[in-house]
Structure formats: structure tokens, C-alpha cells
């Protein structure tokens, strides 16, 4: 599919948010248990895996569970009273998880559990606390049967690149990028974004001679290499978000003036180049993010003199242009770009005021699906089947989940009864999509159930 060069924007400001509701299936009640994280897992993403925490006399039991989606099905695979088994990634019927929650990134270990394994609950141990994500770790990626990630491998080695085998559970040092106790994966001030492209994981590595630069690995020592230096010498390049799409790597990186702008790495030519200085002379740059594949191009959001709008690129300077000025009188501030089929859904503002759910179709037409209720804030979005599930938070911090098929009539609230509301605990419901449905966690005011499910195409 080739994106048309002309984009039309249809603003249907009178369409209000749908009022009908969709009744979900209660999978598990889980009384007294909070769900803190959720991912698809199992062969073919046939299950949902989730972390839970349960308080017992002021102390806590932290568990890693999974469910097939059948009513009442919930298997405990890891149960700890002295740590938190935080879900990372799934590889077939094996699940990688991390223990240790140090904010300094020097107290975490990776483990593997087989989904065929079930264990009894552990004795309560740690005082109840929130799970923290160490800022000194790479966002893990699965390559074959291995998890590529980072950890402080030993007392003699700093934060470095490692691989964890789904077969043996053994963690192996891939490469000591910064020899000695220095960190080959830079500290918390640098990006820890990763992306997979052509069987390699791309990440930001650090050496004292080159600073923070773009690296890649195939999971072997010999195959772990510096890709290119954008800023020669020890001065770091300041790479931010990494995204792979259509055979290229897209980055939010700092230009020579120190402003974040969109860059593209082409492995065919081994070149990393600035796509366009969208916001010249501004210290904050265009701050590109939300990269999403759109046909043979990539859509992203960026700030220019026209405000924050949708942009599109084919990986060349000439092909990097504003897709549409959705809010000609201000900034559209599009968020939660989500690909559903050949279309992209997102939330944005236009000149008619209010936040809208919008859709960019494969013909290049942007339409307003509906207008969100006044005071609502979109919190997340997830694609599956032919639709989208998303969460809104109102002015009173009450959350409501919705499913949309891209039409106002086909957008419905998800709740077990007309008077149900999601009790607020400061966090939006967790979401995951598997091969057999959308899953989410929610404490509704009318029921004690915690794990819920709706079909992919309700």
C-alpha cells in the first residue's frame, strides 16, 4: 500500500461518545488480589500471563500467573514472598521474568518458567510495595529462544548486555562493551529503548571512547557491534526512541545542536542520517515519537511551528512531511497511535474543540469517529481483531474501558452492568490481547471479579 500524497481531514464534531455497553466475561474473581502487569503468552499467544500481589497481614505475596481464558482458569507459576517476579517476554510456552526492583539497575536477575509448571502460594514476606522498573536496564527483546537484555553480570562487570536461554534459564554475558566495572549499557539518563530489525537487536551502548552510540547484536559476542557514531569521540549522540519499520530503523536523536529530531538508519547502506530538522533553532527540537508503520511509510508525531501534528516518512528527507494539520489554529497533540488492519487510530484535538477518536484509513483520509466526553483523558489503547480497546479517565479519575470498530455506533463501553464503574486506584486497567480475546483487569463497583475478557470481534 502506498500512502496517498494528499490527505483529507473530515471533521465530524457533532458525533458524541457512544453510550451503549458491552458485557465482558468474568474469567477470575481473585478476591483481595491486585493485577499489576499483563502480557500475551504461550504458543501462538494462546494465554494471558499476569502479575498479582496479595496483602496478608501487612506483608505481600507476589505471583506470576496465566490463564487460558476459560472461566475460573488461573495457574500460579511463580509465587514469592521475598521478591517480585515481573513479567518481561514470552517465547512459546516459556516466560521470562525479572526479580529485583532496584532503581539503580544493579539488583535484577532474569529467570524462565515453563507454563506447564504450577506451584503453591508462598509465605508472605516483603512489606507491600509498588513494583519498580530499573532505569538502568534495556527493554528486553526475544531473539529465537533467547531474551536479550542487560544486567550487572558480576562484581567485576558493570551493567552489560546478556542473553537468557529459554531452554536452560542460564544468563550469559554477551559482551563486556565497556570493559571492567563500567557500564556498557549507559546509566539512567540515557535511552534504554530497543528494536528488532533483520534478526538483530538495536540498542544504545556506551564506551568511554565513543560515548553513547547505536549498537546492535545477534546475541553472540562476535555479532555485537558498534553500528555507527553520530557524534565522534566521547561526546554522546543522545539517541532516544528506537523503532523498526519497513526494513529501516527510526530514531529520535539529537542533532549537532543538541535538539531531538527524526533520524533513520538504513542497514542496506549502513547509514544513519537526519531525516529533517522539523523544528530548527528550538532547543526542544521536534521531539518525534509514536512511530507507527503505515503501508510502506511510517507515521509519527512531531512538533513544528504548526504545533504537534502527524508526520509521515519513507526514510528520506524529501519523503518526510507533515501528514495533516489537524488543528490549524493550534496543536492537535495526537496520542496513542494504534494500527488496526490497514488503518491507524489515534486521539487528537481539532479546531472544533474537544478530544476526538480519529482514524487514518489506507486511502489517506482522516475521519473523526467520535468526540470524547468533556473532561476525559485517553490513557491507553490496544489493537486486536478488527477493533480497538482503550481506556478513558474522567475528571474524577474514574476509568471506563471502550471497544470501537471504527464507527460511533460500534463504540461501546465495557462493563458488567449499566451502573458499573471501575474503582480508581490511581492506575488505569491493565490490557493485553491474545489469540482468543482482549483481557483486562478492573475492580468494578458492582462485582469483585478482577480478570475480564471480551472477544477479538465482539
Protein backbone atom coordinates (compact mmCIF):
# COMPACT_ATOMS: atom_id res chain seq x y z
CA UNK A 1 0.00 0.00 0.00
CA UNK A 2 1.31 3.41 -0.93
CA UNK A 3 0.19 6.35 1.17
CA UNK A 4 -1.55 9.00 -0.97
CA UNK A 5 0.24 12.32 -1.23
CA UNK A 6 -2.98 14.19 -0.47
CA UNK A 7 -4.62 13.69 2.90
CA UNK A 8 -8.20 14.77 3.51
CA UNK A 9 -9.46 15.50 7.01
CA UNK A 10 -13.16 15.05 7.71
CA UNK A 11 -14.15 16.72 10.98
CA UNK A 12 -17.41 15.43 12.39
CA UNK A 13 -17.54 17.41 15.59
CA UNK A 14 -21.17 16.69 16.43
CA UNK A 15 -20.63 12.96 16.95
CA UNK A 16 -20.78 12.26 20.68
CA UNK A 17 -19.29 9.34 22.55
CA UNK A 18 -21.33 6.15 22.36
CA UNK A 19 -23.48 5.23 25.36
CA UNK A 20 -24.28 1.52 24.81
CA UNK A 21 -22.21 -1.00 26.74
CA UNK A 22 -20.55 -4.33 26.06
CA UNK A 23 -20.72 -7.00 28.80
CA UNK A 24 -17.36 -8.74 29.40
CA UNK A 25 -16.83 -12.29 30.62
CA UNK A 26 -15.55 -12.63 34.18
CA UNK A 27 -12.58 -15.03 33.99
CA UNK A 28 -11.36 -14.92 37.61
CA UNK A 29 -12.63 -13.38 40.81
CA UNK A 30 -9.27 -13.22 42.64
CA UNK A 31 -10.57 -11.65 45.89
CA UNK A 32 -8.04 -9.42 47.63
CA UNK A 33 -5.62 -9.66 44.71
CA UNK A 34 -4.36 -6.79 42.53
CA UNK A 35 -3.16 -7.36 38.95
CA UNK A 36 -0.10 -5.22 38.25
CA UNK A 37 1.12 -6.27 34.79
CA UNK A 38 -0.21 -8.31 31.85
CA UNK A 39 1.17 -9.74 28.57
CA UNK A 40 0.11 -12.31 25.95
CA UNK A 41 1.97 -15.60 26.34
CA UNK A 42 2.01 -19.27 25.40
CA UNK A 43 2.44 -20.85 21.99
CA UNK A 44 0.64 -18.68 19.45
CA UNK A 45 -0.23 -16.19 22.21
CA UNK A 46 -2.93 -18.60 23.37
CA UNK A 47 -2.82 -17.48 27.02
CA UNK A 48 -2.59 -14.32 29.08
CA UNK A 49 0.13 -14.00 31.74
CA UNK A 50 -0.15 -11.54 34.58
CA UNK A 51 1.50 -10.43 37.81
CA UNK A 52 -0.51 -10.30 41.01
CA UNK A 53 0.09 -9.04 44.53
CA UNK A 54 -1.89 -10.01 47.62
CA UNK A 55 -1.51 -8.42 51.04
CA UNK A 56 -1.50 -10.77 54.02
CA UNK A 57 -1.20 -9.16 57.46
CA UNK A 58 0.73 -6.20 56.07
CA UNK A 59 3.13 -8.35 54.06
CA UNK A 60 2.77 -9.49 50.48
CA UNK A 61 2.84 -12.49 48.18
CA UNK A 62 3.84 -11.71 44.59
CA UNK A 63 2.90 -14.15 41.86
CA UNK A 64 3.19 -14.80 38.15
CA UNK A 65 0.03 -16.43 36.80
CA UNK A 66 -1.53 -17.38 33.49
CA UNK A 67 -5.00 -18.16 32.18
CA UNK A 68 -6.40 -19.81 29.07
CA UNK A 69 -9.40 -17.52 29.29
CA UNK A 70 -11.71 -20.30 30.46
CA UNK A 71 -13.90 -19.22 33.35
CA UNK A 72 -12.14 -19.93 36.63
CA UNK A 73 -8.82 -20.83 35.00
CA UNK A 74 -5.81 -19.31 36.76
CA UNK A 75 -2.50 -21.14 37.21
CA UNK A 76 0.23 -19.91 39.58
CA UNK A 77 3.67 -20.45 38.01
CA UNK A 78 5.86 -18.39 40.38
CA UNK A 79 4.99 -17.38 43.95
CA UNK A 80 7.41 -15.31 46.05
CA UNK A 81 7.25 -13.67 49.43
CA UNK A 82 10.70 -12.11 49.17
CA UNK A 83 10.73 -10.59 45.69
CA UNK A 84 8.58 -9.61 42.70
CA UNK A 85 8.55 -11.80 39.56
CA UNK A 86 7.98 -9.08 36.97
CA UNK A 87 6.87 -10.36 33.56
CA UNK A 88 9.09 -9.47 30.63
CA UNK A 89 8.51 -11.53 27.46
CA UNK A 90 7.13 -14.85 26.24
CA UNK A 91 8.81 -17.36 23.92
CA UNK A 92 6.42 -20.19 23.15
CA UNK A 93 5.41 -21.87 26.41
CA UNK A 94 8.34 -20.30 28.29
CA UNK A 95 8.04 -16.94 30.04
CA UNK A 96 10.93 -14.70 31.01
CA UNK A 97 10.61 -12.72 34.22
CA UNK A 98 12.83 -10.45 36.28
CA UNK A 99 13.34 -10.29 40.03
CA UNK A 100 14.84 -7.35 41.89
CA UNK A 101 13.48 -3.83 41.58
CA UNK A 102 16.46 -1.58 42.19
CA UNK A 103 16.05 1.89 40.70
CA UNK A 104 19.80 1.92 40.09
CA UNK A 105 19.61 -1.05 37.76
CA UNK A 106 22.15 -3.14 39.70
CA UNK A 107 19.94 -5.62 41.51
CA UNK A 108 17.96 -7.58 38.95
CA UNK A 109 18.15 -11.14 37.69
CA UNK A 110 16.33 -12.88 34.85
CA UNK A 111 14.59 -16.24 35.06
CA UNK A 112 12.49 -18.56 32.92
CA UNK A 113 9.37 -20.51 33.84
CA UNK A 114 7.54 -23.16 31.83
CA UNK A 115 3.79 -22.59 31.63
CA UNK A 116 3.32 -26.28 32.38
CA UNK A 117 4.71 -25.61 35.88
CA UNK A 118 2.32 -24.89 38.75
CA UNK A 119 3.39 -24.01 42.30
CA UNK A 120 1.63 -23.48 45.67
CA UNK A 121 1.42 -19.98 47.21
CA UNK A 122 4.48 -18.73 49.06
CA UNK A 123 4.50 -17.46 52.62
CA UNK A 124 4.06 -13.65 52.90
CA UNK A 125 7.36 -11.83 53.17
CA UNK A 126 8.10 -8.34 51.87
CA UNK A 127 6.13 -5.35 53.01
CA UNK A 128 3.59 -4.36 50.39
CA UNK A 129 5.21 -2.04 47.83
CA UNK A 130 4.85 -0.97 44.22
CA UNK A 131 6.90 -2.70 41.57
CA UNK A 132 9.65 -0.53 40.16
CA UNK A 133 11.29 -0.80 36.77
CA UNK A 134 15.06 -0.26 37.00
CA UNK A 135 16.03 2.68 34.82
CA UNK A 136 19.45 1.15 34.11
CA UNK A 137 18.22 -1.77 32.02
CA UNK A 138 17.49 -2.29 28.34
CA UNK A 139 13.92 -3.02 27.33
CA UNK A 140 14.18 -6.77 26.65
CA UNK A 141 13.66 -8.36 23.23
CA UNK A 142 13.30 -12.01 22.23
CA UNK A 143 15.67 -13.37 19.57
CA UNK A 144 14.92 -17.01 18.78
CA UNK A 145 14.92 -18.85 22.10
CA UNK A 146 16.83 -16.15 23.98
CA UNK A 147 15.93 -12.99 25.82
CA UNK A 148 18.33 -10.13 25.02
CA UNK A 149 18.54 -7.75 27.95
CA UNK A 150 21.05 -6.23 30.37
CA UNK A 151 22.08 -6.68 33.97
CA UNK A 152 25.06 -6.28 36.29
CA UNK A 153 26.55 -9.63 35.36
CA UNK A 154 29.10 -9.90 38.17
CA UNK A 155 31.04 -7.81 40.67
CA UNK A 156 33.78 -7.38 38.06
CA UNK A 157 31.41 -6.29 35.28
CA UNK A 158 29.03 -3.32 35.16
CA UNK A 159 25.61 -3.14 33.50
CA UNK A 160 26.18 -5.11 30.30
CA UNK A 161 24.40 -6.96 27.51
CA UNK A 162 23.31 -10.52 28.39
CA UNK A 163 21.16 -13.27 26.93
CA UNK A 164 18.87 -15.59 28.86
CA UNK A 165 18.15 -19.03 27.43
CA UNK A 166 14.51 -20.12 27.46
CA UNK A 167 15.74 -23.73 27.42
CA UNK A 168 18.13 -23.67 30.39
CA UNK A 169 17.31 -20.38 32.11
CA UNK A 170 21.03 -19.59 32.19
CA UNK A 171 22.11 -15.95 31.85
CA UNK A 172 25.24 -15.48 29.71
CA UNK A 173 27.30 -12.34 29.20
CA UNK A 174 27.08 -11.46 25.51
CA UNK A 175 29.75 -8.78 25.51
CA UNK A 176 31.57 -6.60 28.02
CA UNK A 177 31.07 -3.44 25.93
CA UNK A 178 32.76 -1.18 28.47
CA UNK A 179 35.49 -3.43 29.95
CA UNK A 180 35.81 -3.58 33.70
CA UNK A 181 33.21 -2.28 36.11
CA UNK A 182 32.00 0.49 33.80
CA UNK A 183 28.54 0.26 32.24
CA UNK A 184 28.30 -0.82 28.60
CA UNK A 185 24.58 -0.08 28.91
CA UNK A 186 24.52 3.58 29.94
CA UNK A 187 23.07 4.94 33.15
CA UNK A 188 19.56 6.15 33.79
CA UNK A 189 19.96 9.44 31.93
CA UNK A 190 20.26 7.65 28.55
CA UNK A 191 17.71 5.84 26.40
CA UNK A 192 17.03 2.18 27.03
CA UNK A 193 14.76 1.76 24.05
CA UNK A 194 15.42 -1.28 21.83
CA UNK A 195 14.17 -2.52 18.46
CA UNK A 196 14.47 -5.74 16.44
CA UNK A 197 15.40 -5.48 12.77
CA UNK A 198 16.57 -8.26 10.44
CA UNK A 199 17.32 -10.68 13.26
CA UNK A 200 19.30 -8.16 15.33
CA UNK A 201 18.51 -6.15 18.44
CA UNK A 202 19.45 -2.47 18.22
CA UNK A 203 20.20 -0.55 21.40
CA UNK A 204 22.25 2.32 22.83
CA UNK A 205 25.62 1.11 24.12
CA UNK A 206 28.36 3.03 25.91
CA UNK A 207 32.16 3.11 25.81
CA UNK A 208 34.48 5.69 27.32
CA UNK A 209 35.97 6.31 23.88
CA UNK A 210 32.74 6.74 21.91
CA UNK A 211 30.13 7.74 24.49
CA UNK A 212 26.53 6.60 23.96
CA UNK A 213 26.06 5.37 20.39
CA UNK A 214 23.94 2.96 18.34
CA UNK A 215 24.88 -0.72 18.73
CA UNK A 216 23.35 -3.97 17.53
CA UNK A 217 23.63 -7.65 18.41
CA UNK A 218 22.61 -11.05 17.07
CA UNK A 219 23.02 -12.50 20.57
CA UNK A 220 26.67 -13.53 20.12
CA UNK A 221 29.89 -11.87 21.20
CA UNK A 222 31.25 -11.58 17.65
CA UNK A 223 27.90 -10.34 16.40
CA UNK A 224 27.67 -7.48 18.92
CA UNK A 225 28.99 -4.35 17.23
CA UNK A 226 29.00 -0.59 17.20
CA UNK A 227 26.74 0.38 14.28
CA UNK A 228 27.86 3.95 13.74
CA UNK A 229 28.96 7.08 15.61
CA UNK A 230 26.77 10.11 15.13
CA UNK A 231 29.00 12.24 17.38
CA UNK A 232 32.65 11.11 17.00
CA UNK A 233 34.69 10.90 20.18
CA UNK A 234 33.47 10.58 23.79
CA UNK A 235 30.59 13.06 23.28
CA UNK A 236 27.36 11.02 23.27
CA UNK A 237 24.84 11.13 20.43
CA UNK A 238 21.77 11.25 22.63
CA UNK A 239 19.73 8.60 20.84
CA UNK A 240 16.19 8.31 22.17
CA UNK A 241 13.33 6.13 20.97
CA UNK A 242 14.16 3.30 18.54
CA UNK A 243 11.56 1.85 16.16
CA UNK A 244 11.89 -0.63 13.29
CA UNK A 245 9.59 -0.45 10.31
CA UNK A 246 9.71 -1.40 6.63
CA UNK A 247 13.30 -2.60 6.82
CA UNK A 248 14.71 0.53 8.46
CA UNK A 249 15.37 1.82 11.95
CA UNK A 250 13.82 5.12 13.04
CA UNK A 251 15.20 7.08 15.96
CA UNK A 252 14.58 10.21 17.94
CA UNK A 253 18.15 11.52 18.21
CA UNK A 254 19.88 14.78 18.97
CA UNK A 255 21.20 16.76 16.02
CA UNK A 256 24.60 18.53 16.25
CA UNK A 257 22.88 21.46 18.01
CA UNK A 258 21.52 19.15 20.70
CA UNK A 259 17.90 19.19 19.53
CA UNK A 260 15.89 15.91 19.21
CA UNK A 261 14.86 15.27 15.59
CA UNK A 262 13.93 12.21 13.49
CA UNK A 263 16.78 10.07 12.14
CA UNK A 264 16.78 6.93 10.02
CA UNK A 265 19.27 4.07 9.88
CA UNK A 266 19.30 2.01 6.67
CA UNK A 267 21.09 -1.33 7.19
CA UNK A 268 21.34 -1.82 3.41
CA UNK A 269 23.74 1.12 3.17
CA UNK A 270 24.85 1.23 6.84
CA UNK A 271 23.98 4.92 7.03
CA UNK A 272 22.39 6.91 9.84
CA UNK A 273 21.02 10.24 8.66
CA UNK A 274 18.89 13.13 9.84
CA UNK A 275 15.55 12.91 8.08
CA UNK A 276 14.53 16.51 8.59
CA UNK A 277 15.07 19.34 11.03
CA UNK A 278 11.38 19.84 11.69
CA UNK A 279 11.80 22.46 14.43
CA UNK A 280 15.01 24.36 13.54
CA UNK A 281 16.61 26.54 16.15
CA UNK A 282 14.49 25.23 19.00
CA UNK A 283 16.28 23.61 21.95
CA UNK A 284 13.42 21.13 22.44
CA UNK A 285 13.50 20.16 18.77
CA UNK A 286 10.55 18.37 17.21
CA UNK A 287 10.70 15.52 19.79
CA UNK A 288 9.45 12.80 17.40
CA UNK A 289 7.68 9.80 18.91
CA UNK A 290 4.79 7.36 18.38
CA UNK A 291 6.40 5.81 15.27
CA UNK A 292 3.83 3.51 13.60
CA UNK A 293 4.01 1.58 10.32
CA UNK A 294 1.56 2.92 7.71
CA UNK A 295 1.74 0.97 4.47
CA UNK A 296 5.22 1.46 3.02
CA UNK A 297 5.84 4.51 5.20
CA UNK A 298 5.99 5.33 8.89
CA UNK A 299 3.72 7.80 10.67
CA UNK A 300 4.90 9.66 13.77
CA UNK A 301 4.10 12.73 15.83
CA UNK A 302 6.36 15.78 15.93
CA UNK A 303 6.27 19.44 16.91
CA UNK A 304 6.83 22.15 14.32
CA UNK A 305 5.80 25.80 14.01
CA UNK A 306 2.31 24.42 13.27
CA UNK A 307 2.16 22.68 16.65
CA UNK A 308 2.28 18.96 17.39
CA UNK A 309 0.78 17.09 14.42
CA UNK A 310 1.02 13.85 12.44
CA UNK A 311 4.03 13.42 10.15
CA UNK A 312 4.94 10.68 7.68
CA UNK A 313 8.26 9.46 6.27
CA UNK A 314 9.52 6.97 3.71
CA UNK A 315 13.02 7.11 5.19
CA UNK A 316 14.19 10.02 3.02
CA UNK A 317 14.40 13.75 3.62
CA UNK A 318 12.12 14.55 0.68
CA UNK A 319 9.61 11.97 1.85
CA UNK A 320 9.40 13.33 5.41
CA UNK A 321 6.42 15.70 5.50
CA UNK A 322 3.52 16.75 7.72
CA UNK A 323 0.70 14.32 7.06
CA UNK A 324 -2.07 16.70 8.04
CA UNK A 325 -2.55 19.90 10.03
CA UNK A 326 -5.44 18.53 12.05
CA UNK A 327 -5.68 21.62 14.25
CA UNK A 328 -4.85 24.62 12.04
CA UNK A 329 -5.44 27.04 14.91
CA UNK A 330 -3.29 25.24 17.44
CA UNK A 331 -1.74 21.87 18.26
CA UNK A 332 -3.60 18.59 17.65
CA UNK A 333 -1.41 16.69 20.15
CA UNK A 334 -2.14 13.24 18.69
CA UNK A 335 -1.51 10.33 21.09
CA UNK A 336 -1.85 6.55 21.29
CA UNK A 337 -1.30 5.84 17.59
CA UNK A 338 -2.53 2.26 17.14
CA UNK A 339 -2.54 0.23 13.93
CA UNK A 340 -5.75 -1.74 13.31
CA UNK A 341 -5.63 -3.56 9.99
CA UNK A 342 -4.58 -1.03 7.37
CA UNK A 343 -5.82 1.94 9.42
CA UNK A 344 -4.30 3.91 12.29
CA UNK A 345 -6.45 5.06 15.20
CA UNK A 346 -5.41 7.92 17.44
CA UNK A 347 -6.74 10.62 19.75
CA UNK A 348 -6.30 14.30 18.87
CA UNK A 349 -7.78 17.78 19.13
CA UNK A 350 -9.11 19.83 16.20
CA UNK A 351 -10.40 23.39 15.73
CA UNK A 352 -13.88 22.26 16.80
CA UNK A 353 -12.56 21.73 20.35
CA UNK A 354 -12.57 18.63 22.49
CA UNK A 355 -10.55 15.44 22.12
CA UNK A 356 -11.60 13.13 19.30
CA UNK A 357 -11.04 9.48 18.47
CA UNK A 358 -9.83 9.65 14.86
CA UNK A 359 -8.96 7.15 12.16
CA UNK A 360 -6.47 7.41 9.30
CA UNK A 361 -7.52 4.89 6.65
CA UNK A 362 -5.42 3.32 3.88
CA UNK A 363 -6.79 5.83 1.37
CA UNK A 364 -5.20 8.65 3.35
CA UNK A 365 -8.45 10.04 4.77
CA UNK A 366 -8.63 11.13 8.41
CA UNK A 367 -12.12 10.92 9.90
CA UNK A 368 -13.48 11.70 13.33
CA UNK A 369 -15.00 8.56 14.83
CA UNK A 370 -16.47 10.38 17.82
CA UNK A 371 -15.89 13.12 20.37
CA UNK A 372 -14.84 12.08 23.87
CA UNK A 373 -16.90 13.20 26.87
CA UNK A 374 -15.85 16.59 28.25
CA UNK A 375 -13.03 16.21 30.78
CA UNK A 376 -11.98 12.76 29.52
CA UNK A 377 -8.34 11.80 29.02
CA UNK A 378 -7.32 8.77 26.88
CA UNK A 379 -4.94 6.62 28.92
CA UNK A 380 -4.07 3.66 26.67
CA UNK A 381 -5.11 1.79 23.53
CA UNK A 382 -4.63 -1.72 22.19
CA UNK A 383 -5.49 -3.26 18.82
CA UNK A 384 -6.92 -6.71 18.18
CA UNK A 385 -9.18 -8.30 15.58
CA UNK A 386 -10.96 -5.54 13.68
CA UNK A 387 -11.11 -3.09 16.54
CA UNK A 388 -9.57 -1.12 19.35
CA UNK A 389 -9.86 -1.26 23.14
CA UNK A 390 -8.99 1.91 25.04
CA UNK A 391 -9.36 3.47 28.49
CA UNK A 392 -10.68 6.93 29.35
CA UNK A 393 -10.18 8.70 32.67
CA UNK A 394 -12.73 11.34 33.64
CA UNK A 395 -12.26 14.48 35.74
CA UNK A 396 -12.94 12.46 38.92
CA UNK A 397 -10.25 9.90 38.00
CA UNK A 398 -12.82 7.21 37.23
CA UNK A 399 -11.77 4.84 34.43
CA UNK A 400 -14.00 3.46 31.68
CA UNK A 401 -12.96 0.94 29.04
CA UNK A 402 -14.32 1.02 25.49
CA UNK A 403 -14.23 -1.12 22.38
CA UNK A 404 -14.51 0.52 18.96
CA UNK A 405 -14.83 -0.91 15.45
CA UNK A 406 -14.11 2.50 13.93
CA UNK A 407 -17.66 3.83 13.95
CA UNK A 408 -19.58 5.84 16.52
CA UNK A 409 -22.38 3.27 16.61
CA UNK A 410 -19.85 0.48 17.05
CA UNK A 411 -18.07 2.10 20.01
CA UNK A 412 -19.31 0.75 23.34
CA UNK A 413 -18.30 0.97 26.99
CA UNK A 414 -17.12 -2.33 28.51
CA UNK A 415 -18.80 -3.06 31.85
CA UNK A 416 -20.77 -5.87 33.50
CA UNK A 417 -23.82 -3.71 34.27
CA UNK A 418 -25.21 -0.31 33.31
CA UNK A 419 -24.33 1.18 36.69
CA UNK A 420 -20.83 -0.35 36.92
CA UNK A 421 -17.80 1.89 37.23
CA UNK A 422 -14.13 0.99 37.54
CA UNK A 423 -12.89 1.81 41.02
CA UNK A 424 -9.91 4.12 40.84
CA UNK A 425 -6.64 3.01 42.43
CA UNK A 426 -4.53 5.62 40.64
CA UNK A 427 -3.77 3.33 37.70
CA UNK A 428 -5.73 2.54 34.52
CA UNK A 429 -6.76 -1.09 33.92
CA UNK A 430 -4.04 -3.35 32.53
CA UNK A 431 -4.65 -4.55 28.97
CA UNK A 432 -3.44 -7.48 26.86
CA UNK A 433 -4.59 -9.05 23.61
CA UNK A 434 -4.12 -12.74 22.83
CA UNK A 435 -5.18 -15.04 20.00
CA UNK A 436 -8.54 -15.56 21.70
CA UNK A 437 -9.53 -12.14 23.01
CA UNK A 438 -8.87 -8.89 24.84
CA UNK A 439 -8.05 -9.26 28.54
CA UNK A 440 -8.08 -6.55 31.16
CA UNK A 441 -8.00 -6.10 34.91
CA UNK A 442 -10.63 -3.97 36.60
CA UNK A 443 -12.27 -3.55 40.00
CA UNK A 444 -15.87 -2.76 39.16
CA UNK A 445 -18.16 -1.29 41.80
CA UNK A 446 -20.78 -3.98 41.17
CA UNK A 447 -18.60 -7.12 41.34
CA UNK A 448 -15.43 -8.49 42.96
CA UNK A 449 -14.04 -10.08 39.78
CA UNK A 450 -10.60 -8.89 38.66
CA UNK A 451 -9.70 -10.59 35.36
CA UNK A 452 -12.03 -9.98 32.42
CA UNK A 453 -12.24 -10.87 28.75
CA UNK A 454 -14.08 -9.85 25.58
CA UNK A 455 -13.85 -11.47 22.12
CA UNK A 456 -11.49 -10.04 19.49
CA UNK A 457 -14.52 -9.08 17.38
CA UNK A 458 -17.47 -8.59 19.76
